[in-house]
Amino acid sequence: MTALCLASGLLAARIATAGFTLAWMHSIEKVRWEEDWRLDGQALVLVEARIHGSGAGMEPPPEARLEDGVWRYPGRLRTARLDLAHSPYTAGYELCVEGDCRPLAALLPGLPESAVIELSPCPATHEKKRGPKSAPFDWPPASAVSADYPEPGVQGGRFPSASGAPG
């Protein structure tokens, strides 16, 4: 099964998905940005990006089209990973899977106030060790689970809420 791996320091999460949307608020203009990504082997491929408005430093590319106040344009990036800054000085990222959006930081309990979060396809060898799972969201990886750090429960295949309760 295809899965997205999140990592920051010793923290890790695995999300069973073939695609996701990464969303955030522009720190100055307060305009929402969204990027649709798909996993392709050991690469992340940007499918489409959207800017919900315009402002200084937010010019959409020439091929963008304006639809209902949202600039949409095709993605042109293929990368092995994304490194995202987590900071108390800006609004955090959201990760959306099948329309269910959660704060990215909430998926890595214990994340420090300032950190770098890495998103990448989970290695194929990791998936073989874990085997198929019935719930689409599970973490941390089996190698990180111990008696001192039990695996959080995930009910109904949904992200846990920011409070840790099933969403």
C-alpha atoms as a PDB file:
ATOM      1  CA  MET A   1       0.000   0.000   0.000  1.00  0.00           C
ATOM      2  CA  THR A   2       1.264   3.489  -0.840  1.00  0.00           C
ATOM      3  CA  ALA A   3       1.973   5.643   2.192  1.00  0.00           C
ATOM      4  CA  LEU A   4       3.197   9.122   3.035  1.00  0.00           C
ATOM      5  CA  CYS A   5       5.857   9.365   5.754  1.00  0.00           C
ATOM      6  CA  LEU A   6       6.147  12.395   8.025  1.00  0.00           C
ATOM      7  CA  ALA A   7       9.295  12.885  10.093  1.00  0.00           C
ATOM      8  CA  SER A   8      10.819  15.477  12.382  1.00  0.00           C
ATOM      9  CA  GLY A   9      13.760  14.504  14.572  1.00  0.00           C
ATOM     10  CA  LEU A  10      12.761  11.281  16.319  1.00  0.00           C
ATOM     11  CA  LEU A  11       9.042  11.754  15.580  1.00  0.00           C
ATOM     12  CA  ALA A  12       7.443   9.864  12.703  1.00  0.00           C
ATOM     13  CA  ALA A  13       4.010   9.164  11.267  1.00  0.00           C
ATOM     14  CA  ARG A  14       2.793   7.026   8.380  1.00  0.00           C
ATOM     15  CA  ILE A  15      -0.383   7.828   6.446  1.00  0.00           C
ATOM     16  CA  ALA A  16      -1.762   5.319   3.964  1.00  0.00           C
ATOM     17  CA  THR A  17      -2.666   7.388   0.909  1.00  0.00           C
ATOM     18  CA  ALA A  18      -1.789   7.783  -2.760  1.00  0.00           C
ATOM     19  CA  GLY A  19      -2.324  11.556  -2.691  1.00  0.00           C
ATOM     20  CA  PHE A  20      -2.845  14.517  -0.406  1.00  0.00           C
ATOM     21  CA  THR A  21      -3.392  18.255  -0.337  1.00  0.00           C
ATOM     22  CA  LEU A  22      -0.977  20.507   1.508  1.00  0.00           C
ATOM     23  CA  ALA A  23      -2.536  23.833   2.544  1.00  0.00           C
ATOM     24  CA  TRP A  24      -1.328  26.929   4.364  1.00  0.00           C
ATOM     25  CA  MET A  25      -2.063  30.609   4.885  1.00  0.00           C
ATOM     26  CA  HIS A  26       0.325  33.169   3.345  1.00  0.00           C
ATOM     27  CA  SER A  27       2.056  34.796   6.312  1.00  0.00           C
ATOM     28  CA  ILE A  28       1.670  38.391   5.081  1.00  0.00           C
ATOM     29  CA  GLU A  29      -1.344  38.479   2.745  1.00  0.00           C
ATOM     30  CA  LYS A  30      -3.405  35.950   4.776  1.00  0.00           C
ATOM     31  CA  VAL A  31      -4.478  34.157   1.587  1.00  0.00           C
ATOM     32  CA  ARG A  32      -4.893  30.369   1.491  1.00  0.00           C
ATOM     33  CA  TRP A  33      -2.595  28.319  -0.757  1.00  0.00           C
ATOM     34  CA  GLU A  34      -3.256  24.676  -1.626  1.00  0.00           C
ATOM     35  CA  GLU A  35      -1.161  22.091  -3.455  1.00  0.00           C
ATOM     36  CA  ASP A  36      -2.389  18.669  -4.584  1.00  0.00           C
ATOM     37  CA  TRP A  37       0.342  16.022  -4.485  1.00  0.00           C
ATOM     38  CA  ARG A  38       0.417  12.362  -5.526  1.00  0.00           C
ATOM     39  CA  LEU A  39       2.890   9.676  -4.590  1.00  0.00           C
ATOM     40  CA  ASP A  40       4.659   8.063  -7.543  1.00  0.00           C
ATOM     41  CA  GLY A  41       7.094   5.375  -6.398  1.00  0.00           C
ATOM     42  CA  GLN A  42       9.699   7.160  -4.284  1.00  0.00           C
ATOM     43  CA  ALA A  43       8.710  10.630  -5.524  1.00  0.00           C
ATOM     44  CA  LEU A  44       6.147  13.295  -4.702  1.00  0.00           C
ATOM     45  CA  VAL A  45       4.546  14.845  -7.778  1.00  0.00           C
ATOM     46  CA  LEU A  46       2.789  18.223  -7.664  1.00  0.00           C
ATOM     47  CA  VAL A  47      -0.469  17.821  -9.622  1.00  0.00           C
ATOM     48  CA  GLU A  48      -2.118  21.234  -9.172  1.00  0.00           C
ATOM     49  CA  ALA A  49      -1.765  24.361  -7.051  1.00  0.00           C
ATOM     50  CA  ARG A  50      -4.349  26.963  -6.044  1.00  0.00           C
ATOM     51  CA  ILE A  51      -4.098  30.473  -4.618  1.00  0.00           C
ATOM     52  CA  HIS A  52      -7.320  31.816  -3.083  1.00  0.00           C
ATOM     53  CA  GLY A  53      -6.735  35.447  -4.069  1.00  0.00           C
ATOM     54  CA  SER A  54      -3.760  37.590  -4.889  1.00  0.00           C
ATOM     55  CA  GLY A  55      -1.333  39.967  -3.240  1.00  0.00           C
ATOM     56  CA  ALA A  56       2.247  41.140  -3.072  1.00  0.00           C
ATOM     57  CA  GLY A  57       4.697  38.371  -3.937  1.00  0.00           C
ATOM     58  CA  MET A  58       1.901  35.969  -4.865  1.00  0.00           C
ATOM     59  CA  GLU A  59       1.776  36.304  -8.623  1.00  0.00           C
ATOM     60  CA  PRO A  60       0.417  33.144 -10.222  1.00  0.00           C
ATOM     61  CA  PRO A  61       2.366  31.698 -13.166  1.00  0.00           C
ATOM     62  CA  PRO A  62       1.366  32.663 -16.748  1.00  0.00           C
ATOM     63  CA  GLU A  63      -0.577  29.404 -17.301  1.00  0.00           C
ATOM     64  CA  ALA A  64      -2.813  30.001 -14.250  1.00  0.00           C
ATOM     65  CA  ARG A  65      -6.536  30.501 -14.777  1.00  0.00           C
ATOM     66  CA  LEU A  66      -8.877  32.395 -12.460  1.00  0.00           C
ATOM     67  CA  GLU A  67     -11.982  30.387 -11.468  1.00  0.00           C
ATOM     68  CA  ASP A  68     -14.415  31.775  -8.885  1.00  0.00           C
ATOM     69  CA  GLY A  69     -11.702  33.940  -7.299  1.00  0.00           C
ATOM     70  CA  VAL A  70      -9.161  31.099  -7.112  1.00  0.00           C
ATOM     71  CA  TRP A  71      -6.039  30.953  -9.273  1.00  0.00           C
ATOM     72  CA  ARG A  72      -5.441  27.365 -10.458  1.00  0.00           C
ATOM     73  CA  TYR A  73      -2.387  26.097 -12.277  1.00  0.00           C
ATOM     74  CA  PRO A  74      -0.806  22.748 -13.095  1.00  0.00           C
ATOM     75  CA  GLY A  75       2.095  21.504 -11.021  1.00  0.00           C
ATOM     76  CA  ARG A  76       5.513  21.071 -12.580  1.00  0.00           C
ATOM     77  CA  LEU A  77       7.515  19.587  -9.733  1.00  0.00           C
ATOM     78  CA  ARG A  78       8.721  16.087  -8.929  1.00  0.00           C
ATOM     79  CA  THR A  79      10.785  15.696  -5.758  1.00  0.00           C
ATOM     80  CA  ALA A  80      11.903  13.028  -3.325  1.00  0.00           C
ATOM     81  CA  ARG A  81      10.708  15.019  -0.313  1.00  0.00           C
ATOM     82  CA  LEU A  82       9.316  18.285   1.017  1.00  0.00           C
ATOM     83  CA  ASP A  83      10.941  20.039   3.972  1.00  0.00           C
ATOM     84  CA  LEU A  84       8.449  22.322   5.720  1.00  0.00           C
ATOM     85  CA  ALA A  85       9.223  24.864   8.440  1.00  0.00           C
ATOM     86  CA  HIS A  86       7.089  24.611  11.576  1.00  0.00           C
ATOM     87  CA  SER A  87       7.261  27.869  13.527  1.00  0.00           C
ATOM     88  CA  PRO A  88       5.302  29.766  16.168  1.00  0.00           C
ATOM     89  CA  TYR A  89       5.579  32.880  13.963  1.00  0.00           C
ATOM     90  CA  THR A  90       3.312  31.668  11.141  1.00  0.00           C
ATOM     91  CA  ALA A  91       0.131  29.633  10.834  1.00  0.00           C
ATOM     92  CA  GLY A  92       0.813  25.924  10.492  1.00  0.00           C
ATOM     93  CA  TYR A  93       0.319  23.689   7.487  1.00  0.00           C
ATOM     94  CA  GLU A  94      -2.741  21.504   7.005  1.00  0.00           C
ATOM     95  CA  LEU A  95      -2.620  18.033   5.508  1.00  0.00           C
ATOM     96  CA  CYS A  96      -5.791  16.902   3.747  1.00  0.00           C
ATOM     97  CA  VAL A  97      -6.518  13.327   2.704  1.00  0.00           C
ATOM     98  CA  GLU A  98      -9.755  12.598   0.856  1.00  0.00           C
ATOM     99  CA  GLY A  99     -11.175  15.958   2.004  1.00  0.00           C
ATOM    100  CA  ASP A 100     -10.339  15.390   5.688  1.00  0.00           C
ATOM    101  CA  CYS A 101      -7.962  18.195   6.770  1.00  0.00           C
ATOM    102  CA  ARG A 102      -5.888  18.223   9.960  1.00  0.00           C
ATOM    103  CA  PRO A 103      -3.076  20.425  11.264  1.00  0.00           C
ATOM    104  CA  LEU A 104       0.175  18.827  10.141  1.00  0.00           C
ATOM    105  CA  ALA A 105       1.764  19.404  13.565  1.00  0.00           C
ATOM    106  CA  ALA A 106      -1.038  17.409  15.254  1.00  0.00           C
ATOM    107  CA  LEU A 107       0.124  14.299  13.377  1.00  0.00           C
ATOM    108  CA  LEU A 108       3.487  14.435  15.153  1.00  0.00           C
ATOM    109  CA  PRO A 109       2.635  14.644  18.886  1.00  0.00           C
ATOM    110  CA  GLY A 110       5.497  16.193  20.836  1.00  0.00           C
ATOM    111  CA  LEU A 111       6.695  18.332  17.912  1.00  0.00           C
ATOM    112  CA  PRO A 112       8.824  21.218  19.221  1.00  0.00           C
ATOM    113  CA  GLU A 113       7.680  24.806  18.718  1.00  0.00           C
ATOM    114  CA  SER A 114      10.234  25.271  15.896  1.00  0.00           C
ATOM    115  CA  ALA A 115      11.095  22.318  13.688  1.00  0.00           C
ATOM    116  CA  VAL A 116      11.421  21.047  10.137  1.00  0.00           C
ATOM    117  CA  ILE A 117       8.832  18.489   9.026  1.00  0.00           C
ATOM    118  CA  GLU A 118       9.832  16.182   6.191  1.00  0.00           C
ATOM    119  CA  LEU A 119       7.185  14.666   3.922  1.00  0.00           C
ATOM    120  CA  SER A 120       8.212  11.800   1.625  1.00  0.00           C
ATOM    121  CA  PRO A 121       6.889   8.541   0.235  1.00  0.00           C
ATOM    122  CA  CYS A 122       7.446   5.733   2.732  1.00  0.00           C
ATOM    123  CA  PRO A 123      10.125   3.310   1.567  1.00  0.00           C
ATOM    124  CA  ALA A 124       8.798   0.155  -0.080  1.00  0.00           C
ATOM    125  CA  THR A 125      10.741  -1.966   2.420  1.00  0.00           C
ATOM    126  CA  HIS A 126       8.850  -0.290   5.291  1.00  0.00           C
ATOM    127  CA  GLU A 127       5.518  -1.253   3.716  1.00  0.00           C
ATOM    128  CA  LYS A 128       6.569  -4.895   3.317  1.00  0.00           C
ATOM    129  CA  LYS A 129       7.526  -5.134   6.987  1.00  0.00           C
ATOM    130  CA  ARG A 130       4.244  -3.588   8.123  1.00  0.00           C
ATOM    131  CA  GLY A 131       1.983  -5.490   5.770  1.00  0.00           C
ATOM    132  CA  PRO A 132      -1.466  -4.268   4.785  1.00  0.00           C
ATOM    133  CA  LYS A 133      -3.502  -2.331   7.311  1.00  0.00           C
ATOM    134  CA  SER A 134      -7.248  -2.025   7.350  1.00  0.00           C
ATOM    135  CA  ALA A 135      -7.222   1.553   8.679  1.00  0.00           C
ATOM    136  CA  PRO A 136      -5.882   4.127   6.197  1.00  0.00           C
ATOM    137  CA  PHE A 137      -4.082   6.126   8.911  1.00  0.00           C
ATOM    138  CA  ASP A 138      -1.661   4.567  11.355  1.00  0.00           C
ATOM    139  CA  TRP A 139       1.419   5.763  13.207  1.00  0.00           C
ATOM    140  CA  PRO A 140       4.035   5.714  14.588  1.00  0.00           C
ATOM    141  CA  PRO A 141       5.935   3.072  12.588  1.00  0.00           C
ATOM    142  CA  ALA A 142       6.184  -0.285  14.339  1.00  0.00           C
ATOM    143  CA  SER A 143       9.893   0.345  15.011  1.00  0.00           C
ATOM    144  CA  ALA A 144       9.003   3.401  17.142  1.00  0.00           C
ATOM    145  CA  VAL A 145       6.319   1.705  19.263  1.00  0.00           C
ATOM    146  CA  SER A 146       7.384   0.535  22.711  1.00  0.00           C
ATOM    147  CA  ALA A 147       5.784  -0.090  26.085  1.00  0.00           C
ATOM    148  CA  ASP A 148       6.654   3.522  27.003  1.00  0.00           C
ATOM    149  CA  TYR A 149       5.118   4.912  23.823  1.00  0.00           C
ATOM    150  CA  PRO A 150       2.016   2.910  22.879  1.00  0.00           C
ATOM    151  CA  GLU A 151       0.578   3.364  19.419  1.00  0.00           C
ATOM    152  CA  PRO A 152      -2.314   5.863  19.457  1.00  0.00           C
ATOM    153  CA  GLY A 153      -5.676   4.406  18.577  1.00  0.00           C
ATOM    154  CA  VAL A 154      -7.182   5.320  15.241  1.00  0.00           C
ATOM    155  CA  GLN A 155     -10.844   4.590  14.861  1.00  0.00           C
ATOM    156  CA  GLY A 156     -12.779   4.503  11.636  1.00  0.00           C
ATOM    157  CA  GLY A 157      -9.720   5.285   9.529  1.00  0.00           C
ATOM    158  CA  ARG A 158      -9.710   8.978  10.443  1.00  0.00           C
ATOM    159  CA  PHE A 159      -7.029  11.337  11.681  1.00  0.00           C
ATOM    160  CA  PRO A 160      -7.057  11.898  15.422  1.00  0.00           C
ATOM    161  CA  SER A 161      -8.231  15.343  16.415  1.00  0.00           C
ATOM    162  CA  ALA A 162      -5.789  17.927  17.761  1.00  0.00           C
ATOM    163  CA  SER A 163      -6.787  16.851  21.267  1.00  0.00           C
ATOM    164  CA  GLY A 164      -5.763  13.270  20.525  1.00  0.00           C
ATOM    165  CA  ALA A 165      -9.342  11.986  20.462  1.00  0.00           C
ATOM    166  CA  PRO A 166     -10.454  10.163  17.309  1.00  0.00           C
ATOM    167  CA  GLY A 167     -11.762  12.616  14.678  1.00  0.00           C
END
